[in-house]
Amino acid sequence: MMSQPDMSDILAQAQEMQAKLQAAQEEIMSSIVIGQAGNGLVSVSMQGSGTVTSVNIDPKVIDPEDPDTLQDLLVGAYNDAHGQLAKIAQDKMGPLQGAMGGFGF
């Protein structure tokens, strides 16, 4: 016959999981990524919160006759940075989500 887990053990495991989740969230939020497009002609720096902190544009892509290319490069650089953050979040949170299954989450 299997014994019931001790309530204090369950609470200790829950507190440990909460601490790991908080540490992972803090690590994600402190991350800074740089998304690029056009082989680095346009780059976007983004914090883990999703806040864009800088945009760098090589003067070669600034063409008043062709704003669409610059717009596409900006969108591409933003999406690249956002994708990097999503991967960081998955890498940090994914293993913890699997471990939370034991708690019924």
C-alpha atoms as a PDB file:
ATOM      1  CA  MET A   1       0.000   0.000   0.000  1.00  0.00           C
ATOM      2  CA  MET A   2       1.373   3.419  -0.981  1.00  0.00           C
ATOM      3  CA  SER A   3       1.633   5.970   1.784  1.00  0.00           C
ATOM      4  CA  GLN A   4       0.131   9.410   1.408  1.00  0.00           C
ATOM      5  CA  PRO A   5       2.668  12.184   0.913  1.00  0.00           C
ATOM      6  CA  ASP A   6       3.218  14.307   3.974  1.00  0.00           C
ATOM      7  CA  MET A   7       1.507  17.701   3.679  1.00  0.00           C
ATOM      8  CA  SER A   8       4.670  19.474   4.803  1.00  0.00           C
ATOM      9  CA  ASP A   9       6.589  17.724   1.989  1.00  0.00           C
ATOM     10  CA  ILE A  10       3.999  18.880  -0.542  1.00  0.00           C
ATOM     11  CA  LEU A  11       4.191  22.449   0.752  1.00  0.00           C
ATOM     12  CA  ALA A  12       7.998  22.382   0.677  1.00  0.00           C
ATOM     13  CA  GLN A  13       7.932  21.136  -2.926  1.00  0.00           C
ATOM     14  CA  ALA A  14       5.425  23.836  -3.872  1.00  0.00           C
ATOM     15  CA  GLN A  15       7.586  26.533  -2.277  1.00  0.00           C
ATOM     16  CA  GLU A  16      10.666  25.194  -4.060  1.00  0.00           C
ATOM     17  CA  MET A  17       8.803  25.217  -7.378  1.00  0.00           C
ATOM     18  CA  GLN A  18       7.587  28.765  -6.727  1.00  0.00           C
ATOM     19  CA  ALA A  19      11.167  29.887  -6.046  1.00  0.00           C
ATOM     20  CA  LYS A  20      12.380  28.229  -9.262  1.00  0.00           C
ATOM     21  CA  LEU A  21       9.583  29.863 -11.267  1.00  0.00           C
ATOM     22  CA  GLN A  22      10.369  33.260  -9.796  1.00  0.00           C
ATOM     23  CA  ALA A  23      14.078  32.843 -10.550  1.00  0.00           C
ATOM     24  CA  ALA A  24      13.295  31.825 -14.140  1.00  0.00           C
ATOM     25  CA  GLN A  25      10.972  34.815 -14.585  1.00  0.00           C
ATOM     26  CA  GLU A  26      13.625  37.175 -13.218  1.00  0.00           C
ATOM     27  CA  GLU A  27      16.198  35.682 -15.566  1.00  0.00           C
ATOM     28  CA  ILE A  28      13.849  36.149 -18.522  1.00  0.00           C
ATOM     29  CA  MET A  29      13.064  39.744 -17.541  1.00  0.00           C
ATOM     30  CA  SER A  30      16.765  40.593 -17.196  1.00  0.00           C
ATOM     31  CA  SER A  31      17.535  39.220 -20.653  1.00  0.00           C
ATOM     32  CA  ILE A  32      18.477  41.559 -23.466  1.00  0.00           C
ATOM     33  CA  VAL A  33      18.336  40.332 -27.051  1.00  0.00           C
ATOM     34  CA  ILE A  34      19.241  41.938 -30.355  1.00  0.00           C
ATOM     35  CA  GLY A  35      17.111  41.096 -33.357  1.00  0.00           C
ATOM     36  CA  GLN A  36      18.527  41.711 -36.803  1.00  0.00           C
ATOM     37  CA  ALA A  37      17.317  41.931 -40.374  1.00  0.00           C
ATOM     38  CA  GLY A  38      19.010  42.562 -43.685  1.00  0.00           C
ATOM     39  CA  ASN A  39      22.260  40.931 -42.534  1.00  0.00           C
ATOM     40  CA  GLY A  40      22.511  43.357 -39.630  1.00  0.00           C
ATOM     41  CA  LEU A  41      21.556  46.506 -41.533  1.00  0.00           C
ATOM     42  CA  VAL A  42      18.705  46.985 -39.054  1.00  0.00           C
ATOM     43  CA  SER A  43      18.804  45.822 -35.443  1.00  0.00           C
ATOM     44  CA  VAL A  44      16.423  46.082 -32.518  1.00  0.00           C
ATOM     45  CA  SER A  45      17.467  45.663 -28.871  1.00  0.00           C
ATOM     46  CA  MET A  46      14.732  44.318 -26.632  1.00  0.00           C
ATOM     47  CA  GLN A  47      14.484  43.646 -22.905  1.00  0.00           C
ATOM     48  CA  GLY A  48      12.908  40.498 -21.509  1.00  0.00           C
ATOM     49  CA  SER A  49       9.766  42.493 -20.778  1.00  0.00           C
ATOM     50  CA  GLY A  50       9.373  43.110 -24.511  1.00  0.00           C
ATOM     51  CA  THR A  51      10.383  46.756 -24.265  1.00  0.00           C
ATOM     52  CA  VAL A  52      12.419  47.939 -27.242  1.00  0.00           C
ATOM     53  CA  THR A  53      15.441  49.829 -25.931  1.00  0.00           C
ATOM     54  CA  SER A  54      17.137  50.783 -29.179  1.00  0.00           C
ATOM     55  CA  VAL A  55      16.856  50.627 -32.936  1.00  0.00           C
ATOM     56  CA  ASN A  56      19.905  50.866 -35.178  1.00  0.00           C
ATOM     57  CA  ILE A  57      19.558  51.535 -38.897  1.00  0.00           C
ATOM     58  CA  ASP A  58      22.444  51.504 -41.340  1.00  0.00           C
ATOM     59  CA  PRO A  59      22.176  54.660 -43.488  1.00  0.00           C
ATOM     60  CA  LYS A  60      22.451  52.466 -46.604  1.00  0.00           C
ATOM     61  CA  VAL A  61      18.844  51.325 -46.141  1.00  0.00           C
ATOM     62  CA  ILE A  62      17.366  54.800 -45.726  1.00  0.00           C
ATOM     63  CA  ASP A  63      15.896  55.544 -49.127  1.00  0.00           C
ATOM     64  CA  PRO A  64      13.145  58.193 -49.211  1.00  0.00           C
ATOM     65  CA  GLU A  65      11.948  56.646 -52.478  1.00  0.00           C
ATOM     66  CA  ASP A  66      11.552  53.189 -50.881  1.00  0.00           C
ATOM     67  CA  PRO A  67      10.213  53.371 -47.316  1.00  0.00           C
ATOM     68  CA  ASP A  68       8.684  49.888 -47.638  1.00  0.00           C
ATOM     69  CA  THR A  69      12.074  48.169 -47.520  1.00  0.00           C
ATOM     70  CA  LEU A  70      13.034  49.937 -44.293  1.00  0.00           C
ATOM     71  CA  GLN A  71       9.636  49.163 -42.788  1.00  0.00           C
ATOM     72  CA  ASP A  72      10.014  45.486 -43.684  1.00  0.00           C
ATOM     73  CA  LEU A  73      13.502  45.395 -42.164  1.00  0.00           C
ATOM     74  CA  LEU A  74      12.255  47.001 -38.939  1.00  0.00           C
ATOM     75  CA  VAL A  75       9.438  44.475 -38.659  1.00  0.00           C
ATOM     76  CA  GLY A  76      11.873  41.649 -39.361  1.00  0.00           C
ATOM     77  CA  ALA A  77      14.342  42.827 -36.722  1.00  0.00           C
ATOM     78  CA  TYR A  78      11.557  43.236 -34.146  1.00  0.00           C
ATOM     79  CA  ASN A  79      10.187  39.777 -34.905  1.00  0.00           C
ATOM     80  CA  ASP A  80      13.674  38.283 -34.657  1.00  0.00           C
ATOM     81  CA  ALA A  81      14.177  39.826 -31.199  1.00  0.00           C
ATOM     82  CA  HIS A  82      10.714  38.742 -30.082  1.00  0.00           C
ATOM     83  CA  GLY A  83      11.391  35.202 -31.276  1.00  0.00           C
ATOM     84  CA  GLN A  84      14.647  35.110 -29.319  1.00  0.00           C
ATOM     85  CA  LEU A  85      12.788  36.138 -26.161  1.00  0.00           C
ATOM     86  CA  ALA A  86      10.164  33.461 -26.752  1.00  0.00           C
ATOM     87  CA  LYS A  87      12.922  30.854 -27.041  1.00  0.00           C
ATOM     88  CA  ILE A  88      14.570  32.069 -23.835  1.00  0.00           C
ATOM     89  CA  ALA A  89      11.214  31.883 -22.048  1.00  0.00           C
ATOM     90  CA  GLN A  90      10.586  28.368 -23.366  1.00  0.00           C
ATOM     91  CA  ASP A  91      14.083  27.245 -22.374  1.00  0.00           C
ATOM     92  CA  LYS A  92      13.679  28.628 -18.841  1.00  0.00           C
ATOM     93  CA  MET A  93      10.023  27.803 -18.184  1.00  0.00           C
ATOM     94  CA  GLY A  94       9.530  24.608 -20.186  1.00  0.00           C
ATOM     95  CA  PRO A  95      11.272  22.246 -17.760  1.00  0.00           C
ATOM     96  CA  LEU A  96       9.453  23.826 -14.830  1.00  0.00           C
ATOM     97  CA  GLN A  97       6.054  23.430 -16.486  1.00  0.00           C
ATOM     98  CA  GLY A  98       6.665  19.702 -16.817  1.00  0.00           C
ATOM     99  CA  ALA A  99       7.576  19.487 -13.139  1.00  0.00           C
ATOM    100  CA  MET A 100       4.391  21.328 -12.169  1.00  0.00           C
ATOM    101  CA  GLY A 101       2.307  18.447 -13.502  1.00  0.00           C
ATOM    102  CA  GLY A 102       2.773  16.668 -10.194  1.00  0.00           C
ATOM    103  CA  PHE A 103       0.933  19.483  -8.458  1.00  0.00           C
ATOM    104  CA  GLY A 104      -2.112  19.334 -10.720  1.00  0.00           C
ATOM    105  CA  PHE A 105      -1.323  22.611 -12.533  1.00  0.00           C
END
